PDB file of all heavy atoms in Angstrom:
ATOM      1  N   ASP A   1      58.789  -2.908  28.435  1.00  0.00           N
ATOM      2  CA  ASP A   1      60.029  -2.154  28.674  1.00  0.00           C
ATOM      3  C   ASP A   1      59.761  -0.729  28.272  1.00  0.00           C
ATOM      4  O   ASP A   1      59.100  -0.513  27.389  1.00  0.00           O
ATOM      5  CB  ASP A   1      61.145  -2.844  27.830  1.00  0.00           C
ATOM      6  CG  ASP A   1      61.657  -4.057  28.311  1.00  0.00           C
ATOM      7  OD1 ASP A   1      61.393  -4.396  29.593  1.00  0.00           O
ATOM      8  OD2 ASP A   1      62.310  -4.810  27.600  1.00  0.00           O
ATOM      9  N   ILE A   2      60.479   0.210  28.879  1.00  0.00           N
ATOM     10  CA  ILE A   2      60.634   1.551  28.437  1.00  0.00           C
ATOM     11  C   ILE A   2      61.632   1.498  27.253  1.00  0.00           C
ATOM     12  O   ILE A   2      62.794   1.117  27.429  1.00  0.00           O
ATOM     13  CB  ILE A   2      61.020   2.432  29.577  1.00  0.00           C
ATOM     14  CG1 ILE A   2      60.031   2.466  30.664  1.00  0.00           C
ATOM     15  CG2 ILE A   2      61.301   3.959  28.991  1.00  0.00           C
ATOM     16  CD1 ILE A   2      60.446   3.220  31.928  1.00  0.00           C
ATOM     17  N   ARG A   3      61.146   2.004  26.096  1.00  0.00           N
ATOM     18  CA  ARG A   3      61.946   1.992  24.869  1.00  0.00           C
ATOM     19  C   ARG A   3      62.633   3.356  24.842  1.00  0.00           C
ATOM     20  O   ARG A   3      62.071   4.385  24.815  1.00  0.00           O
ATOM     21  CB  ARG A   3      61.013   1.833  23.744  1.00  0.00           C
ATOM     22  CG  ARG A   3      60.196   0.535  23.729  1.00  0.00           C
ATOM     23  CD  ARG A   3      59.069   0.479  22.717  1.00  0.00           C
ATOM     24  NE  ARG A   3      59.656   0.795  21.353  1.00  0.00           N
ATOM     25  CZ  ARG A   3      60.062  -0.214  20.547  1.00  0.00           C
ATOM     26  NH1 ARG A   3      60.199  -1.463  20.843  1.00  0.00           N
ATOM     27  NH2 ARG A   3      60.434   0.135  19.314  1.00  0.00           N
ATOM     28  N   VAL A   4      64.011   3.122  24.629  1.00  0.00           N
ATOM     29  CA  VAL A   4      64.927   4.433  24.640  1.00  0.00           C
ATOM     30  C   VAL A   4      65.683   4.470  23.318  1.00  0.00           C
ATOM     31  O   VAL A   4      66.246   3.490  22.928  1.00  0.00           O
ATOM     32  CB  VAL A   4      65.876   4.342  25.816  1.00  0.00           C
ATOM     33  CG1 VAL A   4      66.843   5.481  25.772  1.00  0.00           C
ATOM     34  CG2 VAL A   4      65.186   4.224  27.151  1.00  0.00           C
ATOM     35  N   ALA A   5      65.692   5.683  22.653  1.00  0.00           N
ATOM     36  CA  ALA A   5      66.602   5.839  21.598  1.00  0.00           C
ATOM     37  C   ALA A   5      67.669   6.794  22.016  1.00  0.00           C
ATOM     38  O   ALA A   5      67.391   7.736  22.828  1.00  0.00           O
ATOM     39  CB  ALA A   5      65.735   6.478  20.403  1.00  0.00           C
ATOM     40  N   ILE A   6      68.776   6.671  21.499  1.00  0.00           N
ATOM     41  CA  ILE A   6      69.967   7.479  21.732  1.00  0.00           C
ATOM     42  C   ILE A   6      70.417   8.288  20.593  1.00  0.00           C
ATOM     43  O   ILE A   6      70.640   7.685  19.571  1.00  0.00           O
ATOM     44  CB  ILE A   6      71.140   6.692  22.280  1.00  0.00           C
ATOM     45  CG1 ILE A   6      70.758   5.794  23.560  1.00  0.00           C
ATOM     46  CG2 ILE A   6      72.424   7.554  22.656  1.00  0.00           C
ATOM     47  CD1 ILE A   6      71.792   4.638  23.817  1.00  0.00           C
ATOM     48  N   PHE A   7      70.770   9.550  20.762  1.00  0.00           N
ATOM     49  CA  PHE A   7      71.390  10.427  19.672  1.00  0.00           C
ATOM     50  C   PHE A   7      72.556  11.023  20.338  1.00  0.00           C
ATOM     51  O   PHE A   7      72.427  11.940  21.161  1.00  0.00           O
ATOM     52  CB  PHE A   7      70.348  11.578  19.133  1.00  0.00           C
ATOM     53  CG  PHE A   7      69.110  11.044  18.360  1.00  0.00           C
ATOM     54  CD1 PHE A   7      67.998  10.511  18.961  1.00  0.00           C
ATOM     55  CD2 PHE A   7      69.287  11.001  17.070  1.00  0.00           C
ATOM     56  CE1 PHE A   7      66.971  10.055  18.153  1.00  0.00           C
ATOM     57  CE2 PHE A   7      68.249  10.562  16.172  1.00  0.00           C
ATOM     58  CZ  PHE A   7      67.104  10.094  16.769  1.00  0.00           C
ATOM     59  N   GLU A   8      73.640  10.437  20.010  1.00  0.00           N
ATOM     60  CA  GLU A   8      74.928  10.841  20.408  1.00  0.00           C
ATOM     61  C   GLU A   8      75.975  10.630  19.519  1.00  0.00           C
ATOM     62  O   GLU A   8      76.106   9.440  18.940  1.00  0.00           O
ATOM     63  CB  GLU A   8      75.273  10.104  21.740  1.00  0.00           C
ATOM     64  CG  GLU A   8      76.639  10.057  22.341  1.00  0.00           C
ATOM     65  CD  GLU A   8      77.039  11.530  22.790  1.00  0.00           C
ATOM     66  OE1 GLU A   8      76.331  12.093  23.658  1.00  0.00           O
ATOM     67  OE2 GLU A   8      78.049  11.992  22.058  1.00  0.00           O
ATOM     68  N   ASP A   9      76.774  11.619  19.200  1.00  0.00           N
ATOM     69  CA  ASP A   9      77.879  11.454  18.042  1.00  0.00           C
ATOM     70  C   ASP A   9      79.174  10.849  18.611  1.00  0.00           C
ATOM     71  O   ASP A   9      79.858  10.330  17.896  1.00  0.00           O
ATOM     72  CB  ASP A   9      78.153  12.877  17.455  1.00  0.00           C
ATOM     73  CG  ASP A   9      78.695  13.917  18.374  1.00  0.00           C
ATOM     74  OD1 ASP A   9      78.241  13.936  19.506  1.00  0.00           O
ATOM     75  OD2 ASP A   9      79.544  14.701  17.887  1.00  0.00           O
ATOM     76  N   ASN A  10      79.405  10.931  19.812  1.00  0.00           N
ATOM     77  CA  ASN A  10      80.540  10.255  20.399  1.00  0.00           C
ATOM     78  C   ASN A  10      80.340   8.661  20.574  1.00  0.00           C
ATOM     79  O   ASN A  10      79.516   8.225  21.416  1.00  0.00           O
ATOM     80  CB  ASN A  10      80.891  10.897  21.821  1.00  0.00           C
ATOM     81  CG  ASN A  10      82.056  10.185  22.435  1.00  0.00           C
ATOM     82  OD1 ASN A  10      82.204   8.977  22.721  1.00  0.00           O
ATOM     83  ND2 ASN A  10      83.105  11.116  22.741  1.00  0.00           N
ATOM     84  N   TYR A  11      81.151   7.950  19.825  1.00  0.00           N
ATOM     85  CA  TYR A  11      80.868   6.542  19.662  1.00  0.00           C
ATOM     86  C   TYR A  11      81.022   5.803  21.007  1.00  0.00           C
ATOM     87  O   TYR A  11      80.112   4.936  21.519  1.00  0.00           O
ATOM     88  CB  TYR A  11      81.980   5.889  18.780  1.00  0.00           C
ATOM     89  CG  TYR A  11      81.762   4.416  18.877  1.00  0.00           C
ATOM     90  CD1 TYR A  11      80.750   3.711  18.222  1.00  0.00           C
ATOM     91  CD2 TYR A  11      82.736   3.584  19.638  1.00  0.00           C
ATOM     92  CE1 TYR A  11      80.633   2.177  18.393  1.00  0.00           C
ATOM     93  CE2 TYR A  11      82.617   2.264  19.673  1.00  0.00           C
ATOM     94  CZ  TYR A  11      81.574   1.660  19.137  1.00  0.00           C
ATOM     95  OH  TYR A  11      81.436   0.188  19.208  1.00  0.00           O
ATOM     96  N   LEU A  12      82.051   6.076  21.869  1.00  0.00           N
ATOM     97  CA  LEU A  12      82.107   5.478  23.201  1.00  0.00           C
ATOM     98  C   LEU A  12      81.077   5.884  24.098  1.00  0.00           C
ATOM     99  O   LEU A  12      80.509   4.867  24.782  1.00  0.00           O
ATOM    100  CB  LEU A  12      83.513   6.024  23.760  1.00  0.00           C
ATOM    101  CG  LEU A  12      84.766   5.431  23.015  1.00  0.00           C
ATOM    102  CD1 LEU A  12      86.060   6.092  23.727  1.00  0.00           C
ATOM    103  CD2 LEU A  12      84.793   3.884  23.110  1.00  0.00           C
ATOM    104  N   LEU A  13      80.526   7.093  24.148  1.00  0.00           N
ATOM    105  CA  LEU A  13      79.395   7.393  25.027  1.00  0.00           C
ATOM    106  C   LEU A  13      78.095   6.737  24.514  1.00  0.00           C
ATOM    107  O   LEU A  13      77.475   6.057  25.275  1.00  0.00           O
ATOM    108  CB  LEU A  13      79.111   8.898  25.010  1.00  0.00           C
ATOM    109  CG  LEU A  13      80.156   9.781  25.846  1.00  0.00           C
ATOM    110  CD1 LEU A  13      79.768  11.267  25.672  1.00  0.00           C
ATOM    111  CD2 LEU A  13      79.912   9.381  27.322  1.00  0.00           C
ATOM    112  N   ARG A  14      77.878   6.604  23.188  1.00  0.00           N
ATOM    113  CA  ARG A  14      76.758   6.076  22.569  1.00  0.00           C
ATOM    114  C   ARG A  14      76.725   4.631  22.985  1.00  0.00           C
ATOM    115  O   ARG A  14      75.745   4.052  23.323  1.00  0.00           O
ATOM    116  CB  ARG A  14      76.733   6.326  21.044  1.00  0.00           C
ATOM    117  CG  ARG A  14      75.375   5.881  20.450  1.00  0.00           C
ATOM    118  CD  ARG A  14      75.387   6.171  18.897  1.00  0.00           C
ATOM    119  NE  ARG A  14      76.435   5.707  18.082  1.00  0.00           N
ATOM    120  CZ  ARG A  14      77.388   6.275  17.611  1.00  0.00           C
ATOM    121  NH1 ARG A  14      77.668   7.608  17.792  1.00  0.00           N
ATOM    122  NH2 ARG A  14      78.382   5.597  16.882  1.00  0.00           N
ATOM    123  N   ASP A  15      77.972   3.862  22.746  1.00  0.00           N
ATOM    124  CA  ASP A  15      77.917   2.497  23.013  1.00  0.00           C
ATOM    125  C   ASP A  15      77.728   2.242  24.509  1.00  0.00           C
ATOM    126  O   ASP A  15      77.104   1.306  24.882  1.00  0.00           O
ATOM    127  CB  ASP A  15      79.277   1.966  22.602  1.00  0.00           C
ATOM    128  CG  ASP A  15      79.337   0.379  22.651  1.00  0.00           C
ATOM    129  OD1 ASP A  15      78.421  -0.215  22.094  1.00  0.00           O
ATOM    130  OD2 ASP A  15      80.284  -0.019  23.312  1.00  0.00           O
ATOM    131  N   GLY A  16      78.377   3.074  25.372  1.00  0.00           N
ATOM    132  CA  GLY A  16      78.204   2.984  26.722  1.00  0.00           C
ATOM    133  C   GLY A  16      76.716   3.115  27.175  1.00  0.00           C
ATOM    134  O   GLY A  16      76.335   2.195  27.988  1.00  0.00           O
ATOM    135  N   TYR A  17      76.047   4.111  26.719  1.00  0.00           N
ATOM    136  CA  TYR A  17      74.654   4.279  27.045  1.00  0.00           C
ATOM    137  C   TYR A  17      73.862   3.101  26.515  1.00  0.00           C
ATOM    138  O   TYR A  17      72.916   2.649  27.225  1.00  0.00           O
ATOM    139  CB  TYR A  17      74.107   5.565  26.419  1.00  0.00           C
ATOM    140  CG  TYR A  17      74.687   6.837  26.869  1.00  0.00           C
ATOM    141  CD1 TYR A  17      74.806   7.876  26.100  1.00  0.00           C
ATOM    142  CD2 TYR A  17      74.945   6.980  28.269  1.00  0.00           C
ATOM    143  CE1 TYR A  17      75.321   9.063  26.446  1.00  0.00           C
ATOM    144  CE2 TYR A  17      75.409   8.147  28.816  1.00  0.00           C
ATOM    145  CZ  TYR A  17      75.559   9.235  27.887  1.00  0.00           C
ATOM    146  OH  TYR A  17      76.115  10.563  28.374  1.00  0.00           O
ATOM    147  N   PHE A  18      74.104   2.561  25.318  1.00  0.00           N
ATOM    148  CA  PHE A  18      73.498   1.371  24.757  1.00  0.00           C
ATOM    149  C   PHE A  18      73.569   0.250  25.641  1.00  0.00           C
ATOM    150  O   PHE A  18      72.556  -0.415  26.026  1.00  0.00           O
ATOM    151  CB  PHE A  18      74.058   1.192  23.361  1.00  0.00           C
ATOM    152  CG  PHE A  18      73.370  -0.002  22.783  1.00  0.00           C
ATOM    153  CD1 PHE A  18      72.267   0.203  21.949  1.00  0.00           C
ATOM    154  CD2 PHE A  18      73.979  -1.340  22.809  1.00  0.00           C
ATOM    155  CE1 PHE A  18      71.665  -0.935  21.222  1.00  0.00           C
ATOM    156  CE2 PHE A  18      73.311  -2.438  22.064  1.00  0.00           C
ATOM    157  CZ  PHE A  18      72.294  -2.215  21.330  1.00  0.00           C
ATOM    158  N   GLN A  19      74.838  -0.011  26.129  1.00  0.00           N
ATOM    159  CA  GLN A  19      75.084  -1.106  26.940  1.00  0.00           C
ATOM    160  C   GLN A  19      74.394  -1.018  28.368  1.00  0.00           C
ATOM    161  O   GLN A  19      73.806  -2.032  28.823  1.00  0.00           O
ATOM    162  CB  GLN A  19      76.587  -1.413  27.209  1.00  0.00           C
ATOM    163  CG  GLN A  19      77.407  -1.662  25.918  1.00  0.00           C
ATOM    164  CD  GLN A  19      77.027  -2.970  25.261  1.00  0.00           C
ATOM    165  OE1 GLN A  19      76.508  -3.896  25.881  1.00  0.00           O
ATOM    166  NE2 GLN A  19      76.995  -3.019  23.973  1.00  0.00           N
ATOM    167  N   LEU A  20      74.478   0.132  28.949  1.00  0.00           N
ATOM    168  CA  LEU A  20      73.855   0.513  30.227  1.00  0.00           C
ATOM    169  C   LEU A  20      72.277   0.259  30.070  1.00  0.00           C
ATOM    170  O   LEU A  20      71.805  -0.333  30.960  1.00  0.00           O
ATOM    171  CB  LEU A  20      74.148   1.938  30.648  1.00  0.00           C
ATOM    172  CG  LEU A  20      73.682   2.267  32.049  1.00  0.00           C
ATOM    173  CD1 LEU A  20      74.339   1.582  33.098  1.00  0.00           C
ATOM    174  CD2 LEU A  20      73.851   3.817  32.193  1.00  0.00           C
ATOM    175  N   ILE A  21      71.692   0.911  29.111  1.00  0.00           N
ATOM    176  CA  ILE A  21      70.160   0.793  28.979  1.00  0.00           C
ATOM    177  C   ILE A  21      69.791  -0.642  28.744  1.00  0.00           C
ATOM    178  O   ILE A  21      68.856  -0.979  29.374  1.00  0.00           O
ATOM    179  CB  ILE A  21      69.776   1.680  27.737  1.00  0.00           C
ATOM    180  CG1 ILE A  21      69.899   3.136  28.212  1.00  0.00           C
ATOM    181  CG2 ILE A  21      68.290   1.416  27.495  1.00  0.00           C
ATOM    182  CD1 ILE A  21      69.790   4.134  27.046  1.00  0.00           C
ATOM    183  N   ASN A  22      70.453  -1.413  27.846  1.00  0.00           N
ATOM    184  CA  ASN A  22      70.066  -2.749  27.631  1.00  0.00           C
ATOM    185  C   ASN A  22      70.367  -3.662  28.842  1.00  0.00           C
ATOM    186  O   ASN A  22      69.813  -4.719  28.903  1.00  0.00           O
ATOM    187  CB  ASN A  22      70.709  -3.265  26.367  1.00  0.00           C
ATOM    188  CG  ASN A  22      69.947  -2.793  25.112  1.00  0.00           C
ATOM    189  OD1 ASN A  22      68.795  -2.566  25.224  1.00  0.00           O
ATOM    190  ND2 ASN A  22      70.665  -2.643  24.056  1.00  0.00           N
ATOM    191  N   GLY A  23      71.224  -3.207  29.793  1.00  0.00           N
ATOM    192  CA  GLY A  23      71.529  -4.138  30.960  1.00  0.00           C
ATOM    193  C   GLY A  23      70.705  -3.736  32.096  1.00  0.00           C
ATOM    194  O   GLY A  23      70.795  -4.385  33.077  1.00  0.00           O
ATOM    195  N   MET A  24      69.635  -2.732  31.956  1.00  0.00           N
ATOM    196  CA  MET A  24      68.946  -2.448  33.001  1.00  0.00           C
ATOM    197  C   MET A  24      67.531  -3.116  32.790  1.00  0.00           C
ATOM    198  O   MET A  24      66.961  -2.986  31.728  1.00  0.00           O
ATOM    199  CB  MET A  24      68.720  -1.026  33.094  1.00  0.00           C
ATOM    200  CG  MET A  24      69.971  -0.256  33.517  1.00  0.00           C
ATOM    201  SD  MET A  24      69.898   1.490  33.594  1.00  0.00           S
ATOM    202  CE  MET A  24      68.290   1.842  34.518  1.00  0.00           C
ATOM    203  N   PRO A  25      67.033  -3.908  33.824  1.00  0.00           N
ATOM    204  CA  PRO A  25      65.619  -4.435  33.709  1.00  0.00           C
ATOM    205  C   PRO A  25      64.631  -3.422  33.401  1.00  0.00           C
ATOM    206  O   PRO A  25      64.637  -2.298  34.076  1.00  0.00           O
ATOM    207  CB  PRO A  25      65.501  -5.162  34.966  1.00  0.00           C
ATOM    208  CG  PRO A  25      66.808  -5.348  35.625  1.00  0.00           C
ATOM    209  CD  PRO A  25      67.655  -4.166  35.104  1.00  0.00           C
ATOM    210  N   GLY A  26      63.702  -3.673  32.556  1.00  0.00           N
ATOM    211  CA  GLY A  26      62.621  -2.699  32.369  1.00  0.00           C
ATOM    212  C   GLY A  26      62.888  -1.625  31.258  1.00  0.00           C
ATOM    213  O   GLY A  26      62.158  -0.817  31.022  1.00  0.00           O
ATOM    214  N   PHE A  27      64.201  -1.759  30.620  1.00  0.00           N
ATOM    215  CA  PHE A  27      64.538  -0.835  29.565  1.00  0.00           C
ATOM    216  C   PHE A  27      65.025  -1.536  28.334  1.00  0.00           C
ATOM    217  O   PHE A  27      65.670  -2.643  28.509  1.00  0.00           O
ATOM    218  CB  PHE A  27      65.585   0.127  30.151  1.00  0.00           C
ATOM    219  CG  PHE A  27      65.189   1.127  31.133  1.00  0.00           C
ATOM    220  CD1 PHE A  27      65.204   0.783  32.443  1.00  0.00           C
ATOM    221  CD2 PHE A  27      64.747   2.383  30.802  1.00  0.00           C
ATOM    222  CE1 PHE A  27      64.823   1.584  33.409  1.00  0.00           C
ATOM    223  CE2 PHE A  27      64.278   3.299  31.711  1.00  0.00           C
ATOM    224  CZ  PHE A  27      64.327   2.882  33.088  1.00  0.00           C
ATOM    225  N   ALA A  28      64.804  -0.914  27.260  1.00  0.00           N
ATOM    226  CA  ALA A  28      65.381  -1.600  26.017  1.00  0.00           C
ATOM    227  C   ALA A  28      65.788  -0.307  25.130  1.00  0.00           C
ATOM    228  O   ALA A  28      65.005   0.608  24.817  1.00  0.00           O
ATOM    229  CB  ALA A  28      64.143  -2.410  25.219  1.00  0.00           C
ATOM    230  N   CYS A  29      67.090  -0.431  24.599  1.00  0.00           N
ATOM    231  CA  CYS A  29      67.510   0.438  23.619  1.00  0.00           C
ATOM    232  C   CYS A  29      67.108   0.177  22.248  1.00  0.00           C
ATOM    233  O   CYS A  29      67.456  -1.002  21.645  1.00  0.00           O
ATOM    234  CB  CYS A  29      68.962   0.685  23.696  1.00  0.00           C
ATOM    235  SG  CYS A  29      69.681   1.983  22.736  1.00  0.00           S
ATOM    236  N   VAL A  30      66.198   0.947  21.582  1.00  0.00           N
ATOM    237  CA  VAL A  30      65.607   0.593  20.351  1.00  0.00           C
ATOM    238  C   VAL A  30      66.358   1.319  19.171  1.00  0.00           C
ATOM    239  O   VAL A  30      65.975   1.120  18.112  1.00  0.00           O
ATOM    240  CB  VAL A  30      64.074   0.976  20.237  1.00  0.00           C
ATOM    241  CG1 VAL A  30      63.366  -0.013  21.294  1.00  0.00           C
ATOM    242  CG2 VAL A  30      63.747   2.288  20.654  1.00  0.00           C
ATOM    243  N   GLY A  31      67.351   2.183  19.480  1.00  0.00           N
ATOM    244  CA  GLY A  31      68.073   2.741  18.471  1.00  0.00           C
ATOM    245  C   GLY A  31      69.151   3.653  18.980  1.00  0.00           C
ATOM    246  O   GLY A  31      69.012   4.225  20.004  1.00  0.00           O
ATOM    247  N   ALA A  32      70.259   3.686  18.317  1.00  0.00           N
ATOM    248  CA  ALA A  32      71.444   4.523  18.745  1.00  0.00           C
ATOM    249  C   ALA A  32      71.911   5.053  17.446  1.00  0.00           C
ATOM    250  O   ALA A  32      72.496   4.400  16.555  1.00  0.00           O
ATOM    251  CB  ALA A  32      72.470   3.561  19.401  1.00  0.00           C
ATOM    252  N   TYR A  33      72.000   6.370  17.490  1.00  0.00           N
ATOM    253  CA  TYR A  33      72.224   7.237  16.224  1.00  0.00           C
ATOM    254  C   TYR A  33      73.327   8.260  16.492  1.00  0.00           C
ATOM    255  O   TYR A  33      73.437   8.841  17.532  1.00  0.00           O
ATOM    256  CB  TYR A  33      71.067   7.858  15.742  1.00  0.00           C
ATOM    257  CG  TYR A  33      69.913   6.933  15.595  1.00  0.00           C
ATOM    258  CD1 TYR A  33      68.772   6.967  16.564  1.00  0.00           C
ATOM    259  CD2 TYR A  33      69.803   6.087  14.600  1.00  0.00           C
ATOM    260  CE1 TYR A  33      67.750   6.069  16.390  1.00  0.00           C
ATOM    261  CE2 TYR A  33      68.736   5.132  14.454  1.00  0.00           C
ATOM    262  CZ  TYR A  33      67.726   5.187  15.417  1.00  0.00           C
ATOM    263  OH  TYR A  33      66.605   4.418  15.218  1.00  0.00           O
ATOM    264  N   ASP A  34      74.172   8.498  15.512  1.00  0.00           N
ATOM    265  CA  ASP A  34      75.347   9.300  15.701  1.00  0.00           C
ATOM    266  C   ASP A  34      74.966  10.775  15.243  1.00  0.00           C
ATOM    267  O   ASP A  34      75.818  11.609  15.241  1.00  0.00           O
ATOM    268  CB  ASP A  34      76.538   8.852  15.009  1.00  0.00           C
ATOM    269  CG  ASP A  34      76.484   8.704  13.495  1.00  0.00           C
ATOM    270  OD1 ASP A  34      75.340   8.872  12.937  1.00  0.00           O
ATOM    271  OD2 ASP A  34      77.478   8.454  12.814  1.00  0.00           O
ATOM    272  N   ASN A  35      73.754  10.948  14.639  1.00  0.00           N
ATOM    273  CA  ASN A  35      73.437  12.242  14.225  1.00  0.00           C
ATOM    274  C   ASN A  35      71.808  12.394  14.202  1.00  0.00           C
ATOM    275  O   ASN A  35      71.201  11.308  14.324  1.00  0.00           O
ATOM    276  CB  ASN A  35      74.005  12.612  12.850  1.00  0.00           C
ATOM    277  CG  ASN A  35      73.457  11.740  11.801  1.00  0.00           C
ATOM    278  OD1 ASN A  35      72.302  11.676  11.536  1.00  0.00           O
ATOM    279  ND2 ASN A  35      74.396  11.030  11.119  1.00  0.00           N
ATOM    280  N   ALA A  36      71.232  13.544  13.891  1.00  0.00           N
ATOM    281  CA  ALA A  36      69.797  13.673  13.830  1.00  0.00           C
ATOM    282  C   ALA A  36      69.297  13.813  12.467  1.00  0.00           C
ATOM    283  O   ALA A  36      68.124  14.316  12.245  1.00  0.00           O
ATOM    284  CB  ALA A  36      69.483  14.937  14.754  1.00  0.00           C
ATOM    285  N   GLU A  37      70.129  13.583  11.381  1.00  0.00           N
ATOM    286  CA  GLU A  37      69.754  13.561  10.093  1.00  0.00           C
ATOM    287  C   GLU A  37      68.614  12.542   9.943  1.00  0.00           C
ATOM    288  O   GLU A  37      68.749  11.462  10.542  1.00  0.00           O
ATOM    289  CB  GLU A  37      70.798  13.224   9.085  1.00  0.00           C
ATOM    290  CG  GLU A  37      72.117  14.237   9.187  1.00  0.00           C
ATOM    291  CD  GLU A  37      71.757  15.665   8.983  1.00  0.00           C
ATOM    292  OE1 GLU A  37      70.885  15.977   7.988  1.00  0.00           O
ATOM    293  OE2 GLU A  37      72.239  16.483   9.605  1.00  0.00           O
ATOM    294  N   ASP A  38      67.607  12.682   9.119  1.00  0.00           N
ATOM    295  CA  ASP A  38      66.551  11.777   8.880  1.00  0.00           C
ATOM    296  C   ASP A  38      65.800  11.545  10.214  1.00  0.00           C
ATOM    297  O   ASP A  38      65.458  10.419  10.535  1.00  0.00           O
ATOM    298  CB  ASP A  38      66.965  10.479   8.217  1.00  0.00           C
ATOM    299  CG  ASP A  38      67.541  10.694   6.916  1.00  0.00           C
ATOM    300  OD1 ASP A  38      66.979  11.576   6.172  1.00  0.00           O
ATOM    301  OD2 ASP A  38      68.541  10.025   6.567  1.00  0.00           O
ATOM    302  N   LEU A  39      65.682  12.531  11.088  1.00  0.00           N
ATOM    303  CA  LEU A  39      65.244  12.361  12.382  1.00  0.00           C
ATOM    304  C   LEU A  39      63.909  11.670  12.553  1.00  0.00           C
ATOM    305  O   LEU A  39      63.714  10.822  13.362  1.00  0.00           O
ATOM    306  CB  LEU A  39      65.333  13.735  13.173  1.00  0.00           C
ATOM    307  CG  LEU A  39      64.657  13.878  14.558  1.00  0.00           C
ATOM    308  CD1 LEU A  39      65.542  12.995  15.494  1.00  0.00           C
ATOM    309  CD2 LEU A  39      64.493  15.324  14.907  1.00  0.00           C
ATOM    310  N   VAL A  40      62.983  12.335  11.763  1.00  0.00           N
ATOM    311  CA  VAL A  40      61.601  11.855  11.841  1.00  0.00           C
ATOM    312  C   VAL A  40      61.599  10.214  11.415  1.00  0.00           C
ATOM    313  O   VAL A  40      60.774   9.505  12.073  1.00  0.00           O
ATOM    314  CB  VAL A  40      60.703  12.667  10.854  1.00  0.00           C
ATOM    315  CG1 VAL A  40      59.238  11.961  10.718  1.00  0.00           C
ATOM    316  CG2 VAL A  40      60.636  13.990  11.438  1.00  0.00           C
ATOM    317  N   PHE A  41      62.199   9.940  10.403  1.00  0.00           N
ATOM    318  CA  PHE A  41      62.426   8.465  10.078  1.00  0.00           C
ATOM    319  C   PHE A  41      62.861   7.580  11.140  1.00  0.00           C
ATOM    320  O   PHE A  41      62.324   6.576  11.485  1.00  0.00           O
ATOM    321  CB  PHE A  41      63.261   8.233   8.794  1.00  0.00           C
ATOM    322  CG  PHE A  41      63.356   6.828   8.457  1.00  0.00           C
ATOM    323  CD1 PHE A  41      62.426   6.072   7.773  1.00  0.00           C
ATOM    324  CD2 PHE A  41      64.662   6.209   8.789  1.00  0.00           C
ATOM    325  CE1 PHE A  41      62.675   4.674   7.481  1.00  0.00           C
ATOM    326  CE2 PHE A  41      64.728   4.914   8.542  1.00  0.00           C
ATOM    327  CZ  PHE A  41      63.854   4.150   7.910  1.00  0.00           C
TER     328      PHE A  41
END
């Protein structure tokens, strides 16, 4: 799977992207974050 991380502060958009990505064959959402603090980690 193509591993996707989301950085989006709007909860509804972030959750929508999470659901969309995980619902598509060949993709997996591996992280959904509301900010870029501790970005490298």
